[in-house]
Structure formats: C-alpha cells, structure tokens
Protein backbone atom coordinates (compact mmCIF):
# COMPACT_ATOMS: atom_id res chain seq x y z
CA UNK A 1 0.00 0.00 0.00
CA UNK A 2 1.44 3.33 -0.99
CA UNK A 3 1.13 6.34 1.17
CA UNK A 4 -0.66 9.30 -0.22
CA UNK A 5 1.04 12.62 0.12
CA UNK A 6 -1.10 15.25 1.65
CA UNK A 7 -1.11 18.35 -0.51
CA UNK A 8 0.30 21.35 1.24
CA UNK A 9 -1.46 24.46 0.16
CA UNK A 10 0.49 27.68 0.04
CA UNK A 11 -0.94 30.68 1.81
CA UNK A 12 -1.81 33.40 -0.65
CA UNK A 13 -2.90 36.91 0.17
CA UNK A 14 -5.33 38.76 -2.05
CA UNK A 15 -5.79 42.47 -2.46
CA UNK A 16 -9.10 44.14 -1.76
CA UNK A 17 -9.62 44.72 -5.49
CA UNK A 18 -9.21 41.00 -6.21
CA UNK A 19 -11.60 40.09 -3.41
CA UNK A 20 -14.22 42.53 -4.68
CA UNK A 21 -14.01 41.02 -8.18
CA UNK A 22 -14.57 37.54 -6.73
CA UNK A 23 -17.48 38.77 -4.58
CA UNK A 24 -19.17 40.46 -7.52
CA UNK A 25 -18.80 37.30 -9.62
CA UNK A 26 -20.11 35.18 -6.72
CA UNK A 27 -23.19 37.37 -6.28
CA UNK A 28 -24.01 37.02 -9.97
CA UNK A 29 -23.22 33.31 -10.41
CA UNK A 30 -23.07 31.76 -6.93
CA UNK A 31 -20.31 30.91 -4.43
CA UNK A 32 -19.45 27.48 -5.84
CA UNK A 33 -19.16 28.70 -9.42
CA UNK A 34 -17.02 31.66 -8.32
CA UNK A 35 -14.77 29.38 -6.27
CA UNK A 36 -14.20 27.09 -9.26
CA UNK A 37 -13.75 29.99 -11.67
CA UNK A 38 -11.08 31.70 -9.53
CA UNK A 39 -9.60 28.40 -8.24
CA UNK A 40 -10.46 29.13 -4.59
CA UNK A 41 -12.13 27.20 -1.78
CA UNK A 42 -15.85 27.81 -1.38
CA UNK A 43 -15.57 28.73 2.34
CA UNK A 44 -13.07 31.47 1.47
CA UNK A 45 -15.49 33.02 -0.99
CA UNK A 46 -18.30 32.80 1.58
CA UNK A 47 -16.12 34.43 4.23
CA UNK A 48 -15.22 37.26 1.85
CA UNK A 49 -18.90 37.86 1.07
CA UNK A 50 -19.69 38.16 4.80
CA UNK A 51 -16.73 40.45 5.40
CA UNK A 52 -17.48 42.68 2.42
CA UNK A 53 -20.15 44.62 4.31
CA UNK A 54 -17.60 45.68 6.94
CA UNK A 55 -15.18 46.73 4.17
CA UNK A 56 -17.80 49.06 2.73
CA UNK A 57 -18.48 50.59 6.17
CA UNK A 58 -14.77 51.20 6.72
CA UNK A 59 -14.46 52.88 3.33
CA UNK A 60 -17.37 55.20 4.16
CA UNK A 61 -15.73 56.22 7.44
CA UNK A 62 -12.42 57.04 5.76
CA UNK A 63 -11.78 60.68 5.02
CA UNK A 64 -11.09 62.02 1.56
CA UNK A 65 -7.78 61.12 -0.01
CA UNK A 66 -5.00 63.67 0.14
CA UNK A 67 -3.59 65.74 2.91
CA UNK A 68 -5.95 68.09 4.69
CA UNK A 69 -4.95 71.72 4.85
CA UNK A 70 -3.33 72.81 8.07
CA UNK A 71 -5.05 75.61 9.93
CA UNK A 72 -2.58 78.45 10.25
CA UNK A 73 -2.26 79.82 13.78
CA UNK A 74 -0.75 83.09 12.61
CA UNK A 75 -1.64 83.46 8.90
CA UNK A 76 -0.31 87.01 8.48
CA UNK A 77 2.95 86.24 10.26
CA UNK A 78 3.45 83.07 8.24
CA UNK A 79 3.21 85.12 5.03
CA UNK A 80 5.98 87.41 6.32
CA UNK A 81 8.04 84.36 7.28
CA UNK A 82 7.53 82.80 3.84
CA UNK A 83 8.71 86.01 2.15
CA UNK A 84 11.74 86.12 4.46
CA UNK A 85 12.69 82.54 3.54
CA UNK A 86 12.40 83.31 -0.18
CA UNK A 87 14.60 86.42 0.25
CA UNK A 88 17.23 84.43 2.13
CA UNK A 89 17.30 81.81 -0.59
CA UNK A 90 17.62 84.45 -3.31
CA UNK A 91 20.62 85.87 -1.45
CA UNK A 92 22.09 82.37 -1.33
CA UNK A 93 21.90 81.92 2.44
CA UNK A 94 21.09 78.58 3.98
CA UNK A 95 17.79 78.38 5.84
CA UNK A 96 17.39 75.76 8.57
CA UNK A 97 14.86 74.92 11.27
CA UNK A 98 16.55 77.07 13.90
CA UNK A 99 16.75 80.16 11.71
CA UNK A 100 13.08 79.76 10.74
CA UNK A 101 12.02 79.47 14.37
CA UNK A 102 14.11 82.46 15.45
CA UNK A 103 12.81 84.60 12.60
CA UNK A 104 9.22 83.67 13.48
CA UNK A 105 9.84 84.76 17.09
CA UNK A 106 11.41 88.00 15.85
CA UNK A 107 8.42 88.74 13.61
CA UNK A 108 5.99 88.03 16.47
CA UNK A 109 7.80 90.63 18.63
CA UNK A 110 7.16 93.45 16.13
CA UNK A 111 4.61 96.03 17.30
CA UNK A 112 2.42 95.77 14.21
CA UNK A 113 2.14 92.01 14.62
CA UNK A 114 1.54 92.24 18.37
CA UNK A 115 -1.55 94.31 17.61
CA UNK A 116 -2.90 91.39 15.56
CA UNK A 117 -1.73 88.61 17.90
CA UNK A 118 -1.22 90.03 21.42
CA UNK A 119 -0.23 86.74 23.06
CA UNK A 120 1.47 85.33 19.97
CA UNK A 121 4.98 85.91 21.26
CA UNK A 122 4.29 83.83 24.38
CA UNK A 123 2.04 81.15 22.87
CA UNK A 124 4.22 80.31 19.88
CA UNK A 125 6.14 77.08 20.44
CA UNK A 126 7.82 76.59 17.08
CA UNK A 127 8.29 72.86 17.47
CA UNK A 128 9.42 70.53 14.71
CA UNK A 129 5.84 69.54 13.84
CA UNK A 130 4.86 73.18 13.29
CA UNK A 131 7.91 73.87 11.12
CA UNK A 132 7.34 70.74 9.01
CA UNK A 133 3.67 71.54 8.46
CA UNK A 134 4.52 75.18 7.64
CA UNK A 135 7.11 74.09 5.10
CA UNK A 136 4.70 71.58 3.58
CA UNK A 137 1.87 74.11 3.36
CA UNK A 138 4.00 76.61 1.47
CA UNK A 139 5.75 73.98 -0.66
CA UNK A 140 9.18 74.62 0.83
CA UNK A 141 11.99 72.19 1.47
CA UNK A 142 15.18 72.43 3.48
CA UNK A 143 16.99 69.92 1.31
CA UNK A 144 17.20 72.14 -1.77
CA UNK A 145 20.57 73.65 -2.52
CA UNK A 146 20.76 77.38 -2.78
CA UNK A 147 24.25 77.45 -4.34
CA UNK A 148 26.23 74.69 -5.95
CA UNK A 149 29.69 76.19 -5.62
CA UNK A 150 31.66 79.40 -5.82
CA UNK A 151 32.40 80.83 -9.24
CA UNK A 152 35.98 80.42 -10.36
CA UNK A 153 38.01 83.42 -11.40
CA UNK A 154 38.56 83.89 -15.14
CA UNK A 155 42.32 84.22 -14.78
CA UNK A 156 42.72 81.38 -12.27
CA UNK A 157 45.52 79.64 -14.20
CA UNK A 158 47.58 82.82 -14.44
CA UNK A 159 47.24 83.48 -10.71
CA UNK A 160 48.22 79.89 -9.89
CA UNK A 161 51.34 80.21 -12.04
CA UNK A 162 52.29 83.47 -10.31
CA UNK A 163 51.80 81.94 -6.90
C-alpha cells in the first residue's frame, strides 16, 4: 500500500480589489461557481462575502484622499516668514529649522504684529511639527541647494602660475 502525500497548500494573500471582483462574480453566479472559476475554496469566498459589508463601512468612514490643509495659527505672520525665507534663498543663504524658528519669534515681537496677535509671542512654540507643516503648506523644502559652488576666477591659471 502506498502512502498518499497530503497536498500542502500555500498561503496566498489577495488584495481588496481581487476580493471585490470575486465577490461580484459570486453574487451574480453563486459561491461554488465563483470558487471554481477563480480556483479558490468555497468557504473562502463565503467568508469574503460576509466580510465585504464591513469593508464598505470602513471605506465610508475614511476621510477624503490627500492631505488636509493645516489651519494656520498666525496666517499674516506666516506670510511674512515665507517672504523672508524666499529672500534668504535668493541671497544664497542657507535656511534651517533654527533660523526659521528664530525669525518667526522675531516677527511676532514686532509692534504691528503684536496688535494682531497680542499673546502670539508667548504662545508660539515653534516645534518641529509646526515647522514641518509650515514648510509643507508653502511647498518649501530644506533639502534644496541654494548654491552649488563658488564661481571660479577667469584668470585662475595665471594666478596659480604666479603663486
């Protein structure tokens, strides 16, 4: 008597799109037909059909795709800060998190701004989260280079020879 080898089935994961295609086919033609058509077990198809209602509920609860706009705490001041960053970059100066935070504090101390935001100087924290969201809102990045290198002199070879 020969021993039969028990077939070992490999575990396969299916995406939500694939599952929805199988469910739609099963609702039109039946679970057994769908299982044979897609080469699946019938209980798997039945389980997916039961679970599909919860998938639809989860999708309804999800918010819209994309990043929601950040509410600006100090919209007028942030416009000044944005203009300052652009000016610094045009001049070729490096702008980092610390300089942005210090400039924001400096702008908040101005008398004109204090009239708009009286407690702004004391309430402003300027943490990393705020700076990242500010940069993202205005489409700025700290990783961009402002200058590649210094320009070489036209008569560099002559000066090297004289040296």
